[in-house]
N, C-alpha and C. Protein backbone atom coordinates (compact mmCIF):
# COMPACT_ATOMS: atom_id res chain seq x y z
N MET A 1 -5.11 14.31 -14.12
CA MET A 1 -4.87 13.33 -13.07
C MET A 1 -6.19 12.73 -12.63
N GLU A 2 -6.19 11.40 -12.43
CA GLU A 2 -7.41 10.75 -12.01
C GLU A 2 -7.80 11.20 -10.60
N HIS A 3 -9.08 11.13 -10.32
CA HIS A 3 -9.55 11.51 -9.00
C HIS A 3 -9.41 10.33 -8.05
N TRP A 4 -8.85 10.57 -6.90
CA TRP A 4 -8.73 9.53 -5.88
C TRP A 4 -9.65 9.88 -4.74
N HIS A 5 -10.30 8.86 -4.20
CA HIS A 5 -11.19 9.08 -3.06
C HIS A 5 -10.38 9.50 -1.85
N ASP A 6 -10.88 10.45 -1.12
CA ASP A 6 -10.28 10.83 0.14
C ASP A 6 -11.22 10.39 1.24
N ASP A 7 -10.70 9.64 2.19
CA ASP A 7 -11.56 9.07 3.22
C ASP A 7 -11.71 9.98 4.43
N ALA A 8 -11.27 11.20 4.34
CA ALA A 8 -11.30 12.08 5.51
C ALA A 8 -12.71 12.23 6.06
N VAL A 9 -13.72 12.19 5.20
CA VAL A 9 -15.08 12.39 5.68
C VAL A 9 -15.50 11.29 6.64
N HIS A 10 -14.95 10.08 6.48
CA HIS A 10 -15.33 9.01 7.39
C HIS A 10 -14.95 9.34 8.83
N GLY A 11 -13.83 10.02 9.00
CA GLY A 11 -13.35 10.32 10.35
C GLY A 11 -14.27 11.24 11.12
N GLU A 12 -15.13 11.97 10.43
CA GLU A 12 -16.00 12.93 11.10
C GLU A 12 -16.98 12.25 12.05
N ASP A 13 -17.56 11.13 11.62
CA ASP A 13 -18.61 10.49 12.41
C ASP A 13 -18.14 9.23 13.12
N ARG A 14 -17.00 8.72 12.75
CA ARG A 14 -16.54 7.46 13.31
C ARG A 14 -16.13 7.66 14.75
N PRO A 15 -16.58 6.80 15.67
CA PRO A 15 -16.17 6.93 17.06
C PRO A 15 -14.69 6.66 17.22
N ALA A 16 -14.07 7.27 18.22
CA ALA A 16 -12.63 7.11 18.44
C ALA A 16 -12.26 5.66 18.66
N SER A 17 -13.17 4.87 19.24
CA SER A 17 -12.87 3.47 19.53
C SER A 17 -12.92 2.59 18.29
N ALA A 18 -13.32 3.15 17.15
CA ALA A 18 -13.51 2.34 15.96
C ALA A 18 -12.21 1.82 15.37
N THR A 19 -11.10 2.34 15.80
CA THR A 19 -9.84 1.86 15.25
C THR A 19 -9.43 0.52 15.84
N GLY A 20 -10.09 0.05 16.88
CA GLY A 20 -9.83 -1.28 17.41
C GLY A 20 -8.58 -1.34 18.27
N VAL A 21 -8.24 -2.56 18.66
CA VAL A 21 -7.11 -2.79 19.55
C VAL A 21 -6.09 -3.65 18.83
N GLY A 22 -4.82 -3.37 19.04
CA GLY A 22 -3.78 -4.18 18.43
C GLY A 22 -3.29 -3.59 17.14
N SER A 23 -2.00 -3.80 16.90
CA SER A 23 -1.40 -3.28 15.67
C SER A 23 -1.84 -4.13 14.47
N PRO A 24 -1.70 -3.60 13.27
CA PRO A 24 -2.00 -4.42 12.09
C PRO A 24 -1.20 -5.73 12.08
N ARG A 25 0.07 -5.69 12.50
CA ARG A 25 0.87 -6.91 12.56
C ARG A 25 0.22 -7.94 13.49
N GLU A 26 -0.24 -7.47 14.65
CA GLU A 26 -0.88 -8.38 15.61
C GLU A 26 -2.20 -8.91 15.07
N GLN A 27 -2.94 -8.06 14.37
CA GLN A 27 -4.21 -8.50 13.80
C GLN A 27 -4.00 -9.60 12.76
N VAL A 28 -3.01 -9.42 11.89
CA VAL A 28 -2.73 -10.43 10.87
C VAL A 28 -2.20 -11.70 11.52
N ALA A 29 -1.32 -11.55 12.52
CA ALA A 29 -0.77 -12.72 13.20
C ALA A 29 -1.88 -13.54 13.86
N ALA A 30 -2.85 -12.86 14.47
CA ALA A 30 -3.97 -13.57 15.10
C ALA A 30 -4.78 -14.33 14.06
N LEU A 31 -4.99 -13.71 12.91
CA LEU A 31 -5.75 -14.37 11.85
C LEU A 31 -4.99 -15.57 11.31
N VAL A 32 -3.68 -15.45 11.19
CA VAL A 32 -2.85 -16.57 10.73
C VAL A 32 -2.91 -17.72 11.73
N ARG A 33 -2.87 -17.43 13.01
CA ARG A 33 -2.98 -18.49 14.03
C ARG A 33 -4.31 -19.22 13.91
N GLU A 34 -5.35 -18.46 13.62
CA GLU A 34 -6.69 -19.03 13.55
C GLU A 34 -6.94 -19.79 12.25
N ARG A 35 -6.48 -19.24 11.12
CA ARG A 35 -6.83 -19.78 9.81
C ARG A 35 -5.70 -20.47 9.08
N GLY A 36 -4.47 -20.12 9.42
CA GLY A 36 -3.32 -20.62 8.67
C GLY A 36 -2.89 -19.60 7.63
N GLU A 37 -1.59 -19.58 7.34
CA GLU A 37 -1.04 -18.57 6.45
C GLU A 37 -1.63 -18.63 5.04
N ALA A 38 -1.75 -19.83 4.48
CA ALA A 38 -2.24 -19.96 3.11
C ALA A 38 -3.66 -19.42 2.97
N GLN A 39 -4.50 -19.68 3.96
CA GLN A 39 -5.88 -19.20 3.88
C GLN A 39 -5.95 -17.68 4.03
N VAL A 40 -5.11 -17.13 4.88
CA VAL A 40 -5.10 -15.67 5.05
C VAL A 40 -4.61 -14.99 3.76
N VAL A 41 -3.57 -15.54 3.16
CA VAL A 41 -3.08 -15.00 1.90
C VAL A 41 -4.18 -15.06 0.84
N ALA A 42 -4.85 -16.20 0.74
CA ALA A 42 -5.92 -16.35 -0.26
C ALA A 42 -7.07 -15.39 -0.01
N TYR A 43 -7.44 -15.21 1.26
CA TYR A 43 -8.52 -14.30 1.59
C TYR A 43 -8.17 -12.86 1.22
N CYS A 44 -6.98 -12.44 1.61
CA CYS A 44 -6.57 -11.06 1.33
C CYS A 44 -6.39 -10.83 -0.16
N LYS A 45 -5.84 -11.80 -0.86
CA LYS A 45 -5.72 -11.68 -2.31
C LYS A 45 -7.10 -11.55 -2.94
N GLY A 46 -8.06 -12.35 -2.46
CA GLY A 46 -9.42 -12.25 -2.97
C GLY A 46 -10.02 -10.87 -2.75
N LEU A 47 -9.79 -10.29 -1.58
CA LEU A 47 -10.29 -8.94 -1.32
C LEU A 47 -9.71 -7.94 -2.31
N LEU A 48 -8.39 -8.04 -2.53
CA LEU A 48 -7.75 -7.13 -3.50
C LEU A 48 -8.32 -7.32 -4.89
N ASP A 49 -8.68 -8.55 -5.21
CA ASP A 49 -9.19 -8.86 -6.55
C ASP A 49 -10.69 -8.61 -6.70
N GLY A 50 -11.34 -8.12 -5.62
CA GLY A 50 -12.74 -7.72 -5.74
C GLY A 50 -13.76 -8.64 -5.11
N ASP A 51 -13.32 -9.64 -4.34
CA ASP A 51 -14.30 -10.50 -3.66
C ASP A 51 -15.13 -9.68 -2.68
N ASP A 52 -16.34 -10.13 -2.45
CA ASP A 52 -17.23 -9.46 -1.50
C ASP A 52 -16.69 -9.66 -0.08
N PRO A 53 -16.33 -8.59 0.62
CA PRO A 53 -15.75 -8.75 1.96
C PRO A 53 -16.73 -9.33 2.97
N ARG A 54 -18.02 -9.26 2.67
CA ARG A 54 -19.02 -9.77 3.61
C ARG A 54 -19.12 -11.30 3.57
N LEU A 55 -18.44 -11.94 2.62
CA LEU A 55 -18.48 -13.40 2.53
C LEU A 55 -17.80 -14.05 3.74
N ASP A 56 -16.90 -13.35 4.38
CA ASP A 56 -16.23 -13.86 5.58
C ASP A 56 -16.05 -12.70 6.55
N GLU A 57 -17.13 -12.34 7.21
CA GLU A 57 -17.09 -11.18 8.10
C GLU A 57 -16.17 -11.41 9.29
N ASP A 58 -16.04 -12.67 9.75
CA ASP A 58 -15.15 -12.93 10.88
C ASP A 58 -13.71 -12.57 10.52
N ALA A 59 -13.26 -12.98 9.32
CA ALA A 59 -11.90 -12.65 8.89
C ALA A 59 -11.75 -11.15 8.70
N LEU A 60 -12.78 -10.53 8.13
CA LEU A 60 -12.73 -9.08 7.92
C LEU A 60 -12.61 -8.34 9.25
N LEU A 61 -13.37 -8.78 10.23
CA LEU A 61 -13.33 -8.14 11.54
C LEU A 61 -11.97 -8.34 12.21
N GLN A 62 -11.33 -9.48 11.94
CA GLN A 62 -10.00 -9.69 12.51
C GLN A 62 -8.99 -8.74 11.86
N LEU A 63 -9.12 -8.52 10.55
CA LEU A 63 -8.20 -7.62 9.85
C LEU A 63 -8.43 -6.16 10.22
N GLY A 64 -9.70 -5.76 10.27
CA GLY A 64 -10.02 -4.35 10.48
C GLY A 64 -10.49 -3.99 11.86
N ARG A 65 -10.72 -4.99 12.71
CA ARG A 65 -11.13 -4.83 14.10
C ARG A 65 -12.32 -3.88 14.23
N GLY A 66 -12.25 -2.97 15.19
CA GLY A 66 -13.37 -2.08 15.45
C GLY A 66 -13.74 -1.22 14.26
N HIS A 67 -12.75 -0.86 13.48
CA HIS A 67 -13.01 -0.07 12.27
C HIS A 67 -13.90 -0.87 11.32
N ALA A 68 -13.57 -2.16 11.13
CA ALA A 68 -14.38 -3.01 10.25
C ALA A 68 -15.80 -3.15 10.79
N ARG A 69 -15.94 -3.29 12.11
CA ARG A 69 -17.27 -3.42 12.71
C ARG A 69 -18.09 -2.16 12.42
N TRP A 70 -17.45 -1.00 12.58
CA TRP A 70 -18.14 0.26 12.31
C TRP A 70 -18.57 0.34 10.85
N GLU A 71 -17.64 -0.01 9.95
CA GLU A 71 -17.96 0.05 8.52
C GLU A 71 -19.08 -0.92 8.15
N LEU A 72 -19.06 -2.12 8.71
CA LEU A 72 -20.12 -3.09 8.46
C LEU A 72 -21.46 -2.59 8.99
N ASP A 73 -21.45 -2.07 10.20
CA ASP A 73 -22.69 -1.59 10.82
C ASP A 73 -23.31 -0.44 10.04
N HIS A 74 -22.46 0.38 9.43
CA HIS A 74 -22.94 1.55 8.70
C HIS A 74 -22.99 1.33 7.19
N ASP A 75 -22.69 0.10 6.77
CA ASP A 75 -22.71 -0.28 5.35
C ASP A 75 -21.87 0.68 4.51
N THR A 76 -20.67 0.97 4.98
CA THR A 76 -19.79 1.92 4.30
C THR A 76 -18.42 1.32 3.99
N LEU A 77 -18.36 0.01 3.78
CA LEU A 77 -17.07 -0.65 3.60
C LEU A 77 -16.26 -0.05 2.46
N ASP A 78 -16.87 0.18 1.34
CA ASP A 78 -16.22 0.80 0.18
C ASP A 78 -14.84 0.18 -0.05
N TYR A 79 -13.78 0.96 0.06
CA TYR A 79 -12.44 0.49 -0.26
C TYR A 79 -11.66 -0.05 0.93
N TRP A 80 -12.15 0.11 2.15
CA TRP A 80 -11.37 -0.26 3.34
C TRP A 80 -10.93 -1.72 3.35
N PRO A 81 -11.76 -2.68 2.97
CA PRO A 81 -11.26 -4.07 2.96
C PRO A 81 -10.05 -4.25 2.04
N ARG A 82 -10.00 -3.51 0.94
CA ARG A 82 -8.83 -3.61 0.05
C ARG A 82 -7.60 -2.98 0.71
N VAL A 83 -7.80 -1.92 1.49
CA VAL A 83 -6.69 -1.33 2.24
C VAL A 83 -6.14 -2.35 3.23
N TRP A 84 -7.02 -2.96 4.02
CA TRP A 84 -6.57 -3.92 5.03
C TRP A 84 -5.91 -5.13 4.38
N ALA A 85 -6.44 -5.55 3.24
CA ALA A 85 -5.87 -6.71 2.54
C ALA A 85 -4.47 -6.39 2.03
N ALA A 86 -4.31 -5.23 1.40
CA ALA A 86 -2.99 -4.85 0.90
C ALA A 86 -2.01 -4.73 2.06
N ARG A 87 -2.42 -4.09 3.12
CA ARG A 87 -1.55 -3.90 4.29
C ARG A 87 -1.14 -5.23 4.90
N ALA A 88 -2.02 -6.22 4.86
CA ALA A 88 -1.72 -7.53 5.45
C ALA A 88 -0.49 -8.16 4.83
N PHE A 89 -0.21 -7.85 3.57
CA PHE A 89 0.94 -8.47 2.89
C PHE A 89 2.28 -7.90 3.35
N LEU A 90 2.24 -6.92 4.24
CA LEU A 90 3.47 -6.53 4.93
C LEU A 90 3.89 -7.60 5.92
N TYR A 91 2.94 -8.43 6.37
CA TYR A 91 3.17 -9.38 7.46
C TYR A 91 2.99 -10.84 7.07
N VAL A 92 2.33 -11.09 5.97
CA VAL A 92 2.14 -12.45 5.47
C VAL A 92 2.35 -12.38 3.96
N TRP A 93 2.89 -13.46 3.36
CA TRP A 93 3.33 -13.29 1.98
C TRP A 93 3.28 -14.56 1.16
N SER A 94 3.02 -14.38 -0.12
CA SER A 94 3.21 -15.39 -1.15
C SER A 94 3.49 -14.65 -2.45
N PRO A 95 4.43 -15.12 -3.26
CA PRO A 95 4.70 -14.46 -4.55
C PRO A 95 3.48 -14.43 -5.47
N ASP A 96 2.52 -15.32 -5.25
CA ASP A 96 1.31 -15.35 -6.08
C ASP A 96 0.50 -14.07 -5.96
N VAL A 97 0.76 -13.28 -4.95
CA VAL A 97 0.00 -12.05 -4.70
C VAL A 97 0.46 -10.92 -5.61
N THR A 98 1.65 -11.04 -6.19
CA THR A 98 2.24 -9.93 -6.94
C THR A 98 1.31 -9.34 -8.00
N PRO A 99 0.67 -10.13 -8.87
CA PRO A 99 -0.21 -9.52 -9.88
C PRO A 99 -1.36 -8.71 -9.26
N SER A 100 -1.88 -9.18 -8.13
CA SER A 100 -2.97 -8.45 -7.47
C SER A 100 -2.48 -7.12 -6.94
N LEU A 101 -1.26 -7.09 -6.40
CA LEU A 101 -0.71 -5.84 -5.90
C LEU A 101 -0.45 -4.86 -7.04
N VAL A 102 0.04 -5.37 -8.17
CA VAL A 102 0.28 -4.49 -9.32
C VAL A 102 -1.03 -3.89 -9.79
N ARG A 103 -2.07 -4.71 -9.87
CA ARG A 103 -3.39 -4.19 -10.27
C ARG A 103 -3.90 -3.17 -9.27
N ALA A 104 -3.58 -3.37 -7.99
CA ALA A 104 -4.05 -2.45 -6.94
C ALA A 104 -3.49 -1.05 -7.10
N LEU A 105 -2.41 -0.89 -7.87
CA LEU A 105 -1.87 0.45 -8.09
C LEU A 105 -2.82 1.31 -8.92
N GLY A 106 -3.77 0.69 -9.60
CA GLY A 106 -4.77 1.44 -10.35
C GLY A 106 -6.06 1.64 -9.57
N ASP A 107 -6.08 1.26 -8.31
CA ASP A 107 -7.29 1.39 -7.49
C ASP A 107 -7.66 2.86 -7.34
N PRO A 108 -8.95 3.19 -7.41
CA PRO A 108 -9.35 4.59 -7.25
C PRO A 108 -9.14 5.14 -5.84
N ALA A 109 -8.92 4.28 -4.86
CA ALA A 109 -8.67 4.73 -3.49
C ALA A 109 -7.17 4.81 -3.25
N TRP A 110 -6.68 5.97 -2.92
CA TRP A 110 -5.24 6.14 -2.78
C TRP A 110 -4.63 5.28 -1.70
N ARG A 111 -5.37 5.00 -0.62
CA ARG A 111 -4.82 4.17 0.45
C ARG A 111 -4.52 2.75 -0.02
N VAL A 112 -5.32 2.25 -0.93
CA VAL A 112 -5.08 0.90 -1.45
C VAL A 112 -3.77 0.87 -2.23
N ALA A 113 -3.61 1.81 -3.15
CA ALA A 113 -2.39 1.87 -3.95
C ALA A 113 -1.17 2.14 -3.08
N GLU A 114 -1.31 3.02 -2.11
CA GLU A 114 -0.18 3.32 -1.23
C GLU A 114 0.28 2.08 -0.48
N ASN A 115 -0.66 1.32 0.07
CA ASN A 115 -0.28 0.11 0.79
C ASN A 115 0.29 -0.95 -0.13
N ALA A 116 -0.22 -1.04 -1.35
CA ALA A 116 0.36 -1.98 -2.31
C ALA A 116 1.81 -1.61 -2.61
N MET A 117 2.08 -0.31 -2.76
CA MET A 117 3.46 0.12 -3.00
C MET A 117 4.36 -0.14 -1.79
N ARG A 118 3.83 0.04 -0.59
CA ARG A 118 4.61 -0.24 0.61
C ARG A 118 5.04 -1.70 0.63
N VAL A 119 4.11 -2.59 0.29
CA VAL A 119 4.43 -4.01 0.25
C VAL A 119 5.47 -4.30 -0.82
N MET A 120 5.28 -3.71 -2.01
CA MET A 120 6.23 -3.96 -3.09
C MET A 120 7.62 -3.42 -2.77
N ALA A 121 7.68 -2.31 -2.03
CA ALA A 121 8.99 -1.80 -1.61
C ALA A 121 9.63 -2.75 -0.60
N LEU A 122 8.85 -3.21 0.36
CA LEU A 122 9.37 -4.14 1.36
C LEU A 122 9.87 -5.43 0.70
N ARG A 123 9.10 -5.93 -0.27
CA ARG A 123 9.42 -7.21 -0.92
C ARG A 123 10.32 -7.02 -2.15
N GLU A 124 10.64 -5.76 -2.46
CA GLU A 124 11.50 -5.42 -3.61
C GLU A 124 10.95 -6.01 -4.91
N ILE A 125 9.69 -5.71 -5.18
CA ILE A 125 8.99 -6.25 -6.34
C ILE A 125 9.09 -5.28 -7.50
N ALA A 126 9.91 -5.62 -8.47
CA ALA A 126 10.16 -4.74 -9.62
C ALA A 126 8.95 -4.65 -10.55
N GLU A 127 8.11 -5.67 -10.56
CA GLU A 127 6.97 -5.69 -11.50
C GLU A 127 6.02 -4.52 -11.30
N GLY A 128 6.04 -3.91 -10.12
CA GLY A 128 5.13 -2.81 -9.86
C GLY A 128 5.68 -1.43 -10.14
N VAL A 129 6.95 -1.35 -10.49
CA VAL A 129 7.58 -0.03 -10.60
C VAL A 129 6.96 0.81 -11.71
N ASP A 130 6.77 0.26 -12.89
CA ASP A 130 6.23 1.07 -13.98
C ASP A 130 4.85 1.62 -13.65
N ALA A 131 4.00 0.80 -13.03
CA ALA A 131 2.66 1.28 -12.65
C ALA A 131 2.77 2.32 -11.55
N ALA A 132 3.69 2.14 -10.62
CA ALA A 132 3.86 3.11 -9.53
C ALA A 132 4.33 4.45 -10.06
N VAL A 133 5.19 4.43 -11.04
CA VAL A 133 5.73 5.67 -11.61
C VAL A 133 4.61 6.58 -12.12
N ARG A 134 3.53 5.99 -12.57
CA ARG A 134 2.40 6.80 -13.06
C ARG A 134 1.76 7.61 -11.93
N LEU A 135 2.06 7.27 -10.68
CA LEU A 135 1.49 7.99 -9.54
C LEU A 135 2.43 9.03 -8.97
N ARG A 136 3.53 9.29 -9.64
CA ARG A 136 4.56 10.16 -9.06
C ARG A 136 4.13 11.62 -8.91
N HIS A 137 3.05 12.02 -9.60
CA HIS A 137 2.56 13.40 -9.48
C HIS A 137 1.28 13.48 -8.64
N HIS A 138 1.02 12.43 -7.87
CA HIS A 138 -0.21 12.41 -7.06
C HIS A 138 -0.25 13.62 -6.13
N GLU A 139 -1.46 14.08 -5.82
CA GLU A 139 -1.63 15.27 -5.00
C GLU A 139 -1.14 15.09 -3.56
N LEU A 140 -1.11 13.87 -3.05
CA LEU A 140 -0.71 13.65 -1.67
C LEU A 140 0.79 13.35 -1.57
N PRO A 141 1.51 14.11 -0.76
CA PRO A 141 2.95 13.87 -0.61
C PRO A 141 3.28 12.45 -0.16
N ARG A 142 2.46 11.87 0.71
CA ARG A 142 2.76 10.53 1.21
C ARG A 142 2.71 9.49 0.09
N VAL A 143 1.85 9.70 -0.89
CA VAL A 143 1.80 8.79 -2.04
C VAL A 143 3.04 8.99 -2.90
N ARG A 144 3.40 10.24 -3.16
CA ARG A 144 4.60 10.52 -3.95
C ARG A 144 5.84 9.94 -3.28
N ALA A 145 5.93 10.07 -1.95
CA ALA A 145 7.08 9.54 -1.22
C ALA A 145 7.13 8.02 -1.31
N THR A 146 5.99 7.38 -1.28
CA THR A 146 5.96 5.92 -1.39
C THR A 146 6.38 5.47 -2.78
N VAL A 147 6.00 6.23 -3.79
CA VAL A 147 6.45 5.93 -5.16
C VAL A 147 7.98 5.93 -5.21
N VAL A 148 8.60 6.97 -4.68
CA VAL A 148 10.05 7.06 -4.81
C VAL A 148 10.75 5.98 -3.97
N ARG A 149 10.16 5.60 -2.85
CA ARG A 149 10.75 4.50 -2.07
C ARG A 149 10.77 3.22 -2.90
N LEU A 150 9.66 2.91 -3.55
CA LEU A 150 9.60 1.70 -4.38
C LEU A 150 10.59 1.78 -5.53
N VAL A 151 10.66 2.92 -6.19
CA VAL A 151 11.61 3.08 -7.30
C VAL A 151 13.04 2.89 -6.79
N GLY A 152 13.34 3.41 -5.62
CA GLY A 152 14.68 3.28 -5.08
C GLY A 152 15.09 1.85 -4.81
N VAL A 153 14.16 1.03 -4.34
CA VAL A 153 14.52 -0.35 -3.99
C VAL A 153 14.36 -1.33 -5.14
N ALA A 154 13.51 -1.01 -6.13
CA ALA A 154 13.23 -2.00 -7.16
C ALA A 154 13.31 -1.47 -8.58
N GLY A 155 13.50 -0.17 -8.75
CA GLY A 155 13.56 0.41 -10.09
C GLY A 155 14.91 0.18 -10.76
N GLU A 156 14.93 0.44 -12.06
CA GLU A 156 16.15 0.33 -12.85
C GLU A 156 16.64 1.73 -13.20
N SER A 157 17.77 1.79 -13.86
CA SER A 157 18.38 3.10 -14.14
C SER A 157 17.47 3.97 -15.01
N ASP A 158 16.62 3.36 -15.84
CA ASP A 158 15.72 4.18 -16.66
C ASP A 158 14.59 4.80 -15.84
N HIS A 159 14.50 4.46 -14.56
CA HIS A 159 13.54 5.11 -13.66
C HIS A 159 14.20 6.23 -12.84
N ALA A 160 15.49 6.45 -13.05
CA ALA A 160 16.22 7.42 -12.23
C ALA A 160 15.62 8.82 -12.32
N HIS A 161 15.08 9.18 -13.48
CA HIS A 161 14.51 10.53 -13.64
C HIS A 161 13.39 10.79 -12.63
N VAL A 162 12.69 9.73 -12.22
CA VAL A 162 11.61 9.90 -11.24
C VAL A 162 12.20 10.36 -9.91
N LEU A 163 13.31 9.76 -9.52
CA LEU A 163 13.94 10.12 -8.25
C LEU A 163 14.56 11.51 -8.31
N LEU A 164 15.21 11.83 -9.41
CA LEU A 164 15.83 13.15 -9.55
C LEU A 164 14.77 14.25 -9.57
N GLU A 165 13.66 13.97 -10.22
CA GLU A 165 12.54 14.93 -10.25
C GLU A 165 11.97 15.11 -8.83
N ALA A 166 11.83 14.00 -8.10
CA ALA A 166 11.26 14.06 -6.75
C ALA A 166 12.20 14.77 -5.78
N ALA A 167 13.48 14.81 -6.08
CA ALA A 167 14.43 15.51 -5.21
C ALA A 167 14.15 17.01 -5.18
N ASP A 168 13.36 17.52 -6.14
CA ASP A 168 12.97 18.93 -6.18
C ASP A 168 11.49 19.12 -5.83
N ASP A 169 10.87 18.10 -5.24
CA ASP A 169 9.46 18.18 -4.87
C ASP A 169 9.24 19.32 -3.88
N PRO A 170 8.10 20.00 -3.94
CA PRO A 170 7.85 21.09 -2.98
C PRO A 170 7.72 20.62 -1.53
N GLU A 171 7.43 19.33 -1.31
CA GLU A 171 7.27 18.82 0.05
C GLU A 171 8.58 18.21 0.56
N VAL A 172 8.98 18.61 1.76
CA VAL A 172 10.24 18.14 2.31
C VAL A 172 10.27 16.64 2.51
N SER A 173 9.12 16.04 2.87
CA SER A 173 9.09 14.59 3.10
C SER A 173 9.36 13.82 1.81
N VAL A 174 8.89 14.34 0.70
CA VAL A 174 9.13 13.70 -0.59
C VAL A 174 10.58 13.88 -1.00
N ARG A 175 11.11 15.08 -0.79
CA ARG A 175 12.53 15.32 -1.10
C ARG A 175 13.43 14.40 -0.29
N ALA A 176 13.12 14.24 1.00
CA ALA A 176 13.93 13.37 1.85
C ALA A 176 13.85 11.92 1.38
N ALA A 177 12.65 11.47 1.04
CA ALA A 177 12.48 10.10 0.53
C ALA A 177 13.24 9.92 -0.77
N ALA A 178 13.23 10.95 -1.61
CA ALA A 178 13.94 10.87 -2.89
C ALA A 178 15.44 10.78 -2.68
N GLU A 179 15.98 11.55 -1.75
CA GLU A 179 17.43 11.49 -1.48
C GLU A 179 17.83 10.10 -1.01
N ARG A 180 17.03 9.52 -0.12
CA ARG A 180 17.33 8.16 0.36
C ARG A 180 17.22 7.16 -0.79
N ALA A 181 16.20 7.34 -1.63
CA ALA A 181 16.01 6.43 -2.75
C ALA A 181 17.14 6.53 -3.78
N ILE A 182 17.61 7.75 -4.00
CA ILE A 182 18.74 7.96 -4.92
C ILE A 182 19.97 7.22 -4.40
N GLU A 183 20.25 7.41 -3.11
CA GLU A 183 21.41 6.72 -2.52
C GLU A 183 21.26 5.21 -2.63
N ARG A 184 20.07 4.72 -2.37
CA ARG A 184 19.85 3.28 -2.44
C ARG A 184 20.03 2.75 -3.86
N MET A 185 19.45 3.44 -4.83
CA MET A 185 19.57 2.99 -6.22
C MET A 185 21.04 3.05 -6.67
N GLN A 186 21.74 4.10 -6.29
CA GLN A 186 23.15 4.22 -6.68
C GLN A 186 23.97 3.05 -6.13
N ARG A 187 23.74 2.70 -4.86
CA ARG A 187 24.47 1.56 -4.27
C ARG A 187 24.07 0.26 -4.94
N ARG A 188 22.78 0.09 -5.14
CA ARG A 188 22.25 -1.17 -5.68
C ARG A 188 22.71 -1.42 -7.10
N LEU A 189 22.70 -0.36 -7.92
CA LEU A 189 23.05 -0.50 -9.34
C LEU A 189 24.50 -0.08 -9.65
N ASP A 190 25.18 0.41 -8.63
CA ASP A 190 26.56 0.86 -8.78
C ASP A 190 26.68 1.90 -9.91
N ILE A 191 25.86 2.94 -9.81
CA ILE A 191 25.88 4.03 -10.79
C ILE A 191 25.81 5.35 -10.04
N ASP A 192 26.21 6.41 -10.74
CA ASP A 192 26.08 7.76 -10.20
C ASP A 192 24.94 8.45 -10.94
N LEU A 193 23.80 8.54 -10.30
CA LEU A 193 22.61 9.09 -10.97
C LEU A 193 22.76 10.56 -11.28
N ARG A 194 23.47 11.29 -10.47
CA ARG A 194 23.54 12.73 -10.65
C ARG A 194 24.46 13.13 -11.80
N SER A 195 25.26 12.21 -12.29
CA SER A 195 26.16 12.53 -13.41
C SER A 195 25.53 12.15 -14.75
N ARG A 196 24.31 11.63 -14.71
CA ARG A 196 23.66 11.17 -15.95
C ARG A 196 23.09 12.34 -16.72
């Protein structure tokens, strides 16, 4: 299994106020009011695709608020701009973003891939399912649970084994997500997965 960065070490030194004010939805909405939806989509897509986040620090600070300010001040941005960019697509959208989200599933930072899968589940984007399935054995239960959510809403019957396997996951949160995903896939595809 590939190694994924764990950002827990950042929390050790980061001040409590670094998380900023306002929900991610509010942060994205404020940026859309200021820049317009098309520009926000283009900016976030660029971040996912590897653009230098320092090229527009004002937009970055709006997305990441106090956390972004802390990361900029300490020169530790690393993967966080990609996390904020992926998360932004929960609240602002264009189908042109889909290839960038699919590529984000291979990001070495688990938070980036997790947020990309959350967006694909919300938007029911089937193009990401095969790449997401490769993460089904990830060490973090929350990543495994996000995989099964995406498979449940956008996968096909040949992905059913992922959900059935996850129904026996050692973590209760993954098992619960798998049961919901199984029910969703069965209704959506009008099949009985457990009789296969």
